[in-house]
PDB file of N, CA and C in Angstrom:
ATOM      1  N   MET A   1      -0.510 -24.957  51.507  1.00  0.00           N
ATOM      2  CA  MET A   1      -0.892 -25.570  49.995  1.00  0.00           C
ATOM      3  C   MET A   1      -0.092 -26.733  49.819  1.00  0.00           C
ATOM      4  N   SER A   2      -0.388 -27.657  48.874  1.00  0.00           N
ATOM      5  CA  SER A   2       0.409 -29.202  48.908  1.00  0.00           C
ATOM      6  C   SER A   2       1.217 -28.412  47.634  1.00  0.00           C
ATOM      7  N   ARG A   3       1.771 -29.839  47.545  1.00  0.00           N
ATOM      8  CA  ARG A   3       2.549 -29.612  45.933  1.00  0.00           C
ATOM      9  C   ARG A   3       1.577 -29.795  44.866  1.00  0.00           C
ATOM     10  N   ILE A   4       0.585 -30.573  45.222  1.00  0.00           N
ATOM     11  CA  ILE A   4       0.085 -31.164  44.022  1.00  0.00           C
ATOM     12  C   ILE A   4      -1.065 -29.934  43.375  1.00  0.00           C
ATOM     13  N   ASP A   5      -1.409 -29.721  44.697  1.00  0.00           N
ATOM     14  CA  ASP A   5      -2.637 -27.724  44.546  1.00  0.00           C
ATOM     15  C   ASP A   5      -2.137 -26.553  43.748  1.00  0.00           C
ATOM     16  N   GLU A   6      -0.618 -26.583  43.792  1.00  0.00           N
ATOM     17  CA  GLU A   6      -0.070 -25.833  43.158  1.00  0.00           C
ATOM     18  C   GLU A   6       0.207 -26.210  41.997  1.00  0.00           C
ATOM     19  N   LEU A   7       0.699 -27.176  41.540  1.00  0.00           N
ATOM     20  CA  LEU A   7       0.528 -27.967  40.240  1.00  0.00           C
ATOM     21  C   LEU A   7      -0.641 -27.710  39.597  1.00  0.00           C
ATOM     22  N   THR A   8      -1.960 -28.063  40.249  1.00  0.00           N
ATOM     23  CA  THR A   8      -2.816 -28.404  39.695  1.00  0.00           C
ATOM     24  C   THR A   8      -3.323 -26.695  39.710  1.00  0.00           C
ATOM     25  N   ASP A   9      -3.492 -25.510  39.901  1.00  0.00           N
ATOM     26  CA  ASP A   9      -3.252 -24.303  40.206  1.00  0.00           C
ATOM     27  C   ASP A   9      -2.651 -23.598  38.641  1.00  0.00           C
ATOM     28  N   ARG A  10      -1.096 -23.991  38.851  1.00  0.00           N
ATOM     29  CA  ARG A  10      -0.684 -23.558  37.304  1.00  0.00           C
ATOM     30  C   ARG A  10      -0.806 -23.999  35.979  1.00  0.00           C
ATOM     31  N   ILE A  11      -1.528 -25.600  36.380  1.00  0.00           N
ATOM     32  CA  ILE A  11      -1.826 -25.887  35.154  1.00  0.00           C
ATOM     33  C   ILE A  11      -2.971 -25.481  34.440  1.00  0.00           C
ATOM     34  N   GLU A  12      -4.157 -25.348  35.540  1.00  0.00           N
ATOM     35  CA  GLU A  12      -5.288 -24.194  35.506  1.00  0.00           C
ATOM     36  C   GLU A  12      -5.332 -22.933  34.791  1.00  0.00           C
ATOM     37  N   ARG A  13      -4.278 -22.169  35.456  1.00  0.00           N
ATOM     38  CA  ARG A  13      -3.838 -21.147  34.975  1.00  0.00           C
ATOM     39  C   ARG A  13      -3.534 -21.183  33.387  1.00  0.00           C
ATOM     40  N   LEU A  14      -2.543 -22.425  33.414  1.00  0.00           N
ATOM     41  CA  LEU A  14      -1.542 -22.249  31.640  1.00  0.00           C
ATOM     42  C   LEU A  14      -2.711 -23.073  30.808  1.00  0.00           C
ATOM     43  N   LEU A  15      -4.041 -23.644  31.521  1.00  0.00           N
ATOM     44  CA  LEU A  15      -5.046 -23.828  30.512  1.00  0.00           C
ATOM     45  C   LEU A  15      -6.080 -22.695  29.915  1.00  0.00           C
ATOM     46  N   LEU A  16      -6.357 -21.650  30.797  1.00  0.00           N
ATOM     47  CA  LEU A  16      -6.819 -20.565  30.654  1.00  0.00           C
ATOM     48  C   LEU A  16      -6.206 -19.658  29.676  1.00  0.00           C
ATOM     49  N   ARG A  17      -4.820 -19.827  29.887  1.00  0.00           N
ATOM     50  CA  ARG A  17      -4.209 -18.530  29.298  1.00  0.00           C
ATOM     51  C   ARG A  17      -3.710 -19.451  27.494  1.00  0.00           C
ATOM     52  N   HIS A  18      -3.954 -20.605  27.439  1.00  0.00           N
ATOM     53  CA  HIS A  18      -3.567 -21.340  26.377  1.00  0.00           C
ATOM     54  C   HIS A  18      -4.847 -20.619  25.393  1.00  0.00           C
ATOM     55  N   GLU A  19      -5.998 -21.293  26.152  1.00  0.00           N
ATOM     56  CA  GLU A  19      -7.219 -20.798  25.609  1.00  0.00           C
ATOM     57  C   GLU A  19      -7.601 -19.389  25.078  1.00  0.00           C
ATOM     58  N   GLU A  20      -6.874 -18.498  25.845  1.00  0.00           N
ATOM     59  CA  GLU A  20      -7.042 -16.730  25.547  1.00  0.00           C
ATOM     60  C   GLU A  20      -6.194 -17.016  24.310  1.00  0.00           C
ATOM     61  N   LEU A  21      -5.250 -17.202  24.800  1.00  0.00           N
ATOM     62  CA  LEU A  21      -3.595 -17.203  23.343  1.00  0.00           C
ATOM     63  C   LEU A  21      -4.394 -17.792  21.851  1.00  0.00           C
ATOM     64  N   ARG A  22      -5.427 -18.948  21.879  1.00  0.00           N
ATOM     65  CA  ARG A  22      -5.895 -19.541  20.703  1.00  0.00           C
ATOM     66  C   ARG A  22      -6.599 -18.379  20.217  1.00  0.00           C
ATOM     67  N   ARG A  23      -7.879 -17.850  21.200  1.00  0.00           N
ATOM     68  CA  ARG A  23      -8.704 -17.132  20.620  1.00  0.00           C
ATOM     69  C   ARG A  23      -8.190 -16.115  20.138  1.00  0.00           C
ATOM     70  N   THR A  24      -7.008 -15.583  20.647  1.00  0.00           N
ATOM     71  CA  THR A  24      -6.383 -14.160  19.995  1.00  0.00           C
ATOM     72  C   THR A  24      -5.860 -14.360  18.516  1.00  0.00           C
ATOM     73  N   ASN A  25      -5.309 -15.709  18.588  1.00  0.00           N
ATOM     74  CA  ASN A  25      -4.790 -16.253  17.458  1.00  0.00           C
ATOM     75  C   ASN A  25      -5.205 -16.236  15.739  1.00  0.00           C
ATOM     76  N   ALA A  26      -6.783 -17.149  16.636  1.00  0.00           N
ATOM     77  CA  ALA A  26      -7.818 -16.447  15.905  1.00  0.00           C
ATOM     78  C   ALA A  26      -8.535 -15.509  15.142  1.00  0.00           C
ATOM     79  N   LEU A  27      -8.308 -14.421  16.310  1.00  0.00           N
ATOM     80  CA  LEU A  27      -8.989 -13.261  15.737  1.00  0.00           C
ATOM     81  C   LEU A  27      -7.955 -12.497  14.962  1.00  0.00           C
ATOM     82  N   LEU A  28      -6.289 -12.597  15.032  1.00  0.00           N
ATOM     83  CA  LEU A  28      -5.228 -11.931  14.616  1.00  0.00           C
ATOM     84  C   LEU A  28      -5.404 -12.961  13.197  1.00  0.00           C
ATOM     85  N   THR A  29      -5.693 -14.250  12.864  1.00  0.00           N
ATOM     86  CA  THR A  29      -6.030 -14.658  11.307  1.00  0.00           C
ATOM     87  C   THR A  29      -6.687 -14.126  11.077  1.00  0.00           C
ATOM     88  N   GLN A  30      -7.750 -13.901  11.553  1.00  0.00           N
ATOM     89  CA  GLN A  30      -8.751 -13.324  10.783  1.00  0.00           C
ATOM     90  C   GLN A  30      -8.789 -12.195  10.211  1.00  0.00           C
ATOM     91  N   GLN A  31      -8.234 -11.134  11.081  1.00  0.00           N
ATOM     92  CA  GLN A  31      -7.771 -10.009  10.671  1.00  0.00           C
ATOM     93  C   GLN A  31      -6.600  -9.569   9.660  1.00  0.00           C
ATOM     94  N   VAL A  32      -5.690 -10.687   9.683  1.00  0.00           N
ATOM     95  CA  VAL A  32      -4.454 -10.695   8.823  1.00  0.00           C
ATOM     96  C   VAL A  32      -5.335 -10.970   7.034  1.00  0.00           C
ATOM     97  N   HIS A  33      -6.128 -12.137   7.346  1.00  0.00           N
ATOM     98  CA  HIS A  33      -7.279 -12.599   6.161  1.00  0.00           C
ATOM     99  C   HIS A  33      -7.802 -10.987   5.676  1.00  0.00           C
ATOM    100  N   VAL A  34      -8.841 -10.147   6.385  1.00  0.00           N
ATOM    101  CA  VAL A  34      -9.325  -8.878   5.654  1.00  0.00           C
ATOM    102  C   VAL A  34      -8.270  -8.155   5.052  1.00  0.00           C
ATOM    103  N   VAL A  35      -7.276  -7.791   6.095  1.00  0.00           N
ATOM    104  CA  VAL A  35      -6.388  -7.062   5.647  1.00  0.00           C
ATOM    105  C   VAL A  35      -5.484  -7.405   4.169  1.00  0.00           C
ATOM    106  N   THR A  36      -5.526  -8.427   3.981  1.00  0.00           N
ATOM    107  CA  THR A  36      -5.027  -9.253   2.954  1.00  0.00           C
ATOM    108  C   THR A  36      -5.959  -9.326   1.776  1.00  0.00           C
ATOM    109  N   GLN A  37      -7.275  -9.334   1.945  1.00  0.00           N
ATOM    110  CA  GLN A  37      -7.837  -8.740   0.846  1.00  0.00           C
ATOM    111  C   GLN A  37      -8.293  -7.530   0.520  1.00  0.00           C
ATOM    112  N   GLU A  38      -8.111  -6.711   1.421  1.00  0.00           N
ATOM    113  CA  GLU A  38      -8.196  -5.058   1.147  1.00  0.00           C
ATOM    114  C   GLU A  38      -6.853  -4.170   0.405  1.00  0.00           C
ATOM    115  N   ARG A  39      -5.697  -4.909   0.633  1.00  0.00           N
ATOM    116  CA  ARG A  39      -4.662  -4.570   0.048  1.00  0.00           C
ATOM    117  C   ARG A  39      -4.651  -5.402  -1.258  1.00  0.00           C
ATOM    118  N   GLU A  40      -5.430  -6.301  -1.970  1.00  0.00           N
ATOM    119  CA  GLU A  40      -5.179  -7.210  -3.236  1.00  0.00           C
ATOM    120  C   GLU A  40      -6.554  -6.174  -3.828  1.00  0.00           C
ATOM    121  N   SER A  41      -7.422  -5.888  -3.250  1.00  0.00           N
ATOM    122  CA  SER A  41      -8.345  -4.408  -3.404  1.00  0.00           C
ATOM    123  C   SER A  41      -7.884  -3.111  -3.997  1.00  0.00           C
ATOM    124  N   LEU A  42      -7.364  -2.763  -3.375  1.00  0.00           N
ATOM    125  CA  LEU A  42      -6.387  -1.965  -3.461  1.00  0.00           C
ATOM    126  C   LEU A  42      -5.630  -1.330  -4.701  1.00  0.00           C
ATOM    127  N   LYS A  43      -4.444  -2.858  -4.847  1.00  0.00           N
ATOM    128  CA  LYS A  43      -3.700  -3.038  -5.611  1.00  0.00           C
ATOM    129  C   LYS A  43      -4.466  -2.764  -6.741  1.00  0.00           C
ATOM    130  N   ALA A  44      -5.354  -3.672  -7.052  1.00  0.00           N
ATOM    131  CA  ALA A  44      -6.492  -3.591  -8.262  1.00  0.00           C
ATOM    132  C   ALA A  44      -7.198  -2.351  -8.643  1.00  0.00           C
ATOM    133  N   ARG A  45      -7.542  -1.535  -7.421  1.00  0.00           N
ATOM    134  CA  ARG A  45      -7.758  -0.035  -7.841  1.00  0.00           C
ATOM    135  C   ARG A  45      -6.556   0.405  -8.442  1.00  0.00           C
ATOM    136  N   LEU A  46      -5.345   0.952  -7.719  1.00  0.00           N
ATOM    137  CA  LEU A  46      -4.088   0.898  -8.316  1.00  0.00           C
ATOM    138  C   LEU A  46      -3.652   0.902  -9.708  1.00  0.00           C
ATOM    139  N   ALA A  47      -3.842  -0.409  -9.988  1.00  0.00           N
ATOM    140  CA  ALA A  47      -3.531  -0.787 -11.449  1.00  0.00           C
ATOM    141  C   ALA A  47      -4.820   0.359 -12.465  1.00  0.00           C
ATOM    142  N   ALA A  48      -6.021  -0.166 -12.112  1.00  0.00           N
ATOM    143  CA  ALA A  48      -6.593  -0.017 -12.999  1.00  0.00           C
ATOM    144  C   ALA A  48      -6.775   2.285 -12.727  1.00  0.00           C
ATOM    145  N   ALA A  49      -6.515   2.481 -12.333  1.00  0.00           N
ATOM    146  CA  ALA A  49      -6.126   3.859 -12.081  1.00  0.00           C
ATOM    147  C   ALA A  49      -4.787   4.571 -12.740  1.00  0.00           C
ATOM    148  N   ARG A  50      -3.844   3.312 -13.014  1.00  0.00           N
ATOM    149  CA  ARG A  50      -2.789   3.689 -13.781  1.00  0.00           C
ATOM    150  C   ARG A  50      -3.251   3.543 -15.118  1.00  0.00           C
ATOM    151  N   SER A  51      -3.739   2.532 -15.394  1.00  0.00           N
ATOM    152  CA  SER A  51      -4.116   2.435 -16.841  1.00  0.00           C
ATOM    153  C   SER A  51      -4.779   3.522 -17.160  1.00  0.00           C
ATOM    154  N   ARG A  52      -6.085   4.144 -16.566  1.00  0.00           N
ATOM    155  CA  ARG A  52      -6.664   4.939 -16.985  1.00  0.00           C
ATOM    156  C   ARG A  52      -5.968   6.590 -17.138  1.00  0.00           C
ATOM    157  N   ILE A  53      -4.930   6.420 -15.862  1.00  0.00           N
ATOM    158  CA  ILE A  53      -3.930   7.931 -16.174  1.00  0.00           C
ATOM    159  C   ILE A  53      -3.207   7.433 -17.829  1.00  0.00           C
ATOM    160  N   ASP A  54      -2.629   6.373 -17.931  1.00  0.00           N
ATOM    161  CA  ASP A  54      -2.251   6.321 -19.077  1.00  0.00           C
ATOM    162  C   ASP A  54      -2.569   6.719 -20.369  1.00  0.00           C
ATOM    163  N   ALA A  55      -4.231   6.303 -20.354  1.00  0.00           N
ATOM    164  CA  ALA A  55      -4.679   6.407 -21.712  1.00  0.00           C
ATOM    165  C   ALA A  55      -4.847   8.214 -21.734  1.00  0.00           C
ATOM    166  N   LEU A  56      -5.014   8.899 -20.599  1.00  0.00           N
ATOM    167  CA  LEU A  56      -5.472   9.957 -20.759  1.00  0.00           C
ATOM    168  C   LEU A  56      -4.207  10.869 -21.215  1.00  0.00           C
ATOM    169  N   LEU A  57      -3.011  10.343 -20.680  1.00  0.00           N
ATOM    170  CA  LEU A  57      -1.918  10.802 -20.996  1.00  0.00           C
ATOM    171  C   LEU A  57      -1.817  10.590 -22.479  1.00  0.00           C
ATOM    172  N   ASP A  58      -2.169   9.378 -23.049  1.00  0.00           N
ATOM    173  CA  ASP A  58      -2.014   9.144 -24.219  1.00  0.00           C
ATOM    174  C   ASP A  58      -2.581   9.993 -25.478  1.00  0.00           C
ATOM    175  N   LYS A  59      -4.014  10.717 -24.919  1.00  0.00           N
ATOM    176  CA  LYS A  59      -4.620  11.274 -25.854  1.00  0.00           C
ATOM    177  C   LYS A  59      -3.779  12.761 -25.473  1.00  0.00           C
ATOM    178  N   LEU A  60      -3.039  13.341 -25.013  1.00  0.00           N
ATOM    179  CA  LEU A  60      -3.047  14.382 -24.744  1.00  0.00           C
ATOM    180  C   LEU A  60      -1.900  14.654 -26.145  1.00  0.00           C
ATOM    181  N   PRO A  61      -2.149  16.109 -26.711  1.00  0.00           N
ATOM    182  CA  PRO A  61      -1.156  16.287 -28.040  1.00  0.00           C
ATOM    183  C   PRO A  61       0.055  16.436 -27.358  1.00  0.00           C
ATOM    184  N   PRO A  62       0.866  16.255 -28.804  1.00  0.00           N
ATOM    185  CA  PRO A  62       2.626  16.262 -28.056  1.00  0.00           C
ATOM    186  C   PRO A  62       2.763  17.875 -27.660  1.00  0.00           C
ATOM    187  N   PRO A  63       3.897  18.127 -27.000  1.00  0.00           N
ATOM    188  CA  PRO A  63       4.449  19.189 -27.039  1.00  0.00           C
ATOM    189  C   PRO A  63       4.697  20.365 -27.947  1.00  0.00           C
ATOM    190  N   ALA A  64       3.756  21.736 -27.640  1.00  0.00           N
ATOM    191  CA  ALA A  64       4.360  22.609 -29.161  1.00  0.00           C
ATOM    192  C   ALA A  64       5.848  23.232 -29.051  1.00  0.00           C
ATOM    193  N   THR A  65       6.397  22.857 -30.384  1.00  0.00           N
ATOM    194  CA  THR A  65       7.725  23.335 -30.310  1.00  0.00           C
ATOM    195  C   THR A  65       7.498  24.568 -30.966  1.00  0.00           C
ATOM    196  N   GLU A  66       8.467  25.744 -30.522  1.00  0.00           N
ATOM    197  CA  GLU A  66       8.401  27.096 -30.690  1.00  0.00           C
ATOM    198  C   GLU A  66       9.242  27.322 -32.355  1.00  0.00           C
ATOM    199  N   PRO A  67       8.502  27.868 -33.094  1.00  0.00           N
ATOM    200  CA  PRO A  67       9.486  28.037 -34.193  1.00  0.00           C
ATOM    201  C   PRO A  67      10.648  29.172 -33.819  1.00  0.00           C
ATOM    202  N   GLU A  68      11.753  28.659 -34.674  1.00  0.00           N
ATOM    203  CA  GLU A  68      12.921  29.392 -34.745  1.00  0.00           C
ATOM    204  C   GLU A  68      12.721  30.322 -35.730  1.00  0.00           C
ATOM    205  N   HIS A  69      13.315  31.681 -35.520  1.00  0.00           N
ATOM    206  CA  HIS A  69      13.520  32.872 -36.242  1.00  0.00           C
ATOM    207  C   HIS A  69      14.051  32.418 -37.604  1.00  0.00           C
ATOM    208  N   PRO A  70      13.758  33.326 -38.766  1.00  0.00           N
ATOM    209  CA  PRO A  70      14.733  32.283 -40.208  1.00  0.00           C
ATOM    210  C   PRO A  70      16.119  32.865 -39.712  1.00  0.00           C
ATOM    211  N   ASP A  71      16.244  33.587 -38.877  1.00  0.00           N
ATOM    212  CA  ASP A  71      17.941  34.016 -38.927  1.00  0.00           C
ATOM    213  C   ASP A  71      18.666  33.099 -38.140  1.00  0.00           C
ATOM    214  N   GLY A  72      17.918  32.472 -37.529  1.00  0.00           N
ATOM    215  CA  GLY A  72      18.238  31.733 -35.973  1.00  0.00           C
ATOM    216  C   GLY A  72      18.944  32.207 -34.719  1.00  0.00           C
ATOM    217  N   ALA A  73      18.172  33.472 -35.080  1.00  0.00           N
ATOM    218  CA  ALA A  73      18.425  34.425 -33.434  1.00  0.00           C
ATOM    219  C   ALA A  73      17.208  33.845 -32.474  1.00  0.00           C
ATOM    220  N   PRO A  74      17.694  33.960 -31.616  1.00  0.00           N
ATOM    221  CA  PRO A  74      16.665  33.159 -30.462  1.00  0.00           C
ATOM    222  C   PRO A  74      15.513  33.944 -30.576  1.00  0.00           C
ATOM    223  N   SER A  75      14.197  33.566 -29.804  1.00  0.00           N
ATOM    224  CA  SER A  75      12.996  34.149 -29.805  1.00  0.00           C
ATOM    225  C   SER A  75      13.108  35.068 -28.165  1.00  0.00           C
ATOM    226  N   ALA A  76      12.137  35.605 -28.059  1.00  0.00           N
ATOM    227  CA  ALA A  76      12.105  36.480 -27.125  1.00  0.00           C
ATOM    228  C   ALA A  76      11.618  35.745 -25.876  1.00  0.00           C
ATOM    229  N   THR A  77      11.199  34.313 -25.587  1.00  0.00           N
ATOM    230  CA  THR A  77      11.167  33.636 -24.830  1.00  0.00           C
ATOM    231  C   THR A  77      12.324  32.813 -24.657  1.00  0.00           C
ATOM    232  N   ASP A  78      13.469  32.594 -25.274  1.00  0.00           N
ATOM    233  CA  ASP A  78      14.458  31.703 -25.231  1.00  0.00           C
ATOM    234  C   ASP A  78      15.018  32.563 -23.362  1.00  0.00           C
ATOM    235  N   SER A  79      15.641  31.240 -23.195  1.00  0.00           N
ATOM    236  CA  SER A  79      15.976  31.975 -21.586  1.00  0.00           C
ATOM    237  C   SER A  79      17.404  31.865 -21.715  1.00  0.00           C
ATOM    238  N   ARG A  80      18.119  31.190 -22.919  1.00  0.00           N
ATOM    239  CA  ARG A  80      19.409  30.967 -22.181  1.00  0.00           C
ATOM    240  C   ARG A  80      20.376  32.163 -22.573  1.00  0.00           C
ATOM    241  N   PRO A  81      21.124  32.121 -21.456  1.00  0.00           N
ATOM    242  CA  PRO A  81      21.848  33.289 -21.566  1.00  0.00           C
ATOM    243  C   PRO A  81      23.075  33.709 -22.861  1.00  0.00           C
ATOM    244  N   GLU A  82      23.062  35.145 -23.007  1.00  0.00           N
ATOM    245  CA  GLU A  82      23.702  35.502 -24.091  1.00  0.00           C
ATOM    246  C   GLU A  82      25.157  35.700 -23.791  1.00  0.00           C
TER     247      GLU A  82
END
């Protein structure tokens, strides 16, 4: 095979490889776009869920406190060591 034929073959392979890489790049660019949109959608859903949770937490009554005995003695449910 002559030197020209070898160069021609290499150039043809390079052109095929180039086209293959262009198609792969286009597919990957499309996938990045789709994933980016999905991420933005999930971020919006997460923000909405957080808002709903915060609203529900705001509706909860405050925690009840145990009344102390008039003599200041700890209650029966007090877990402090004596």
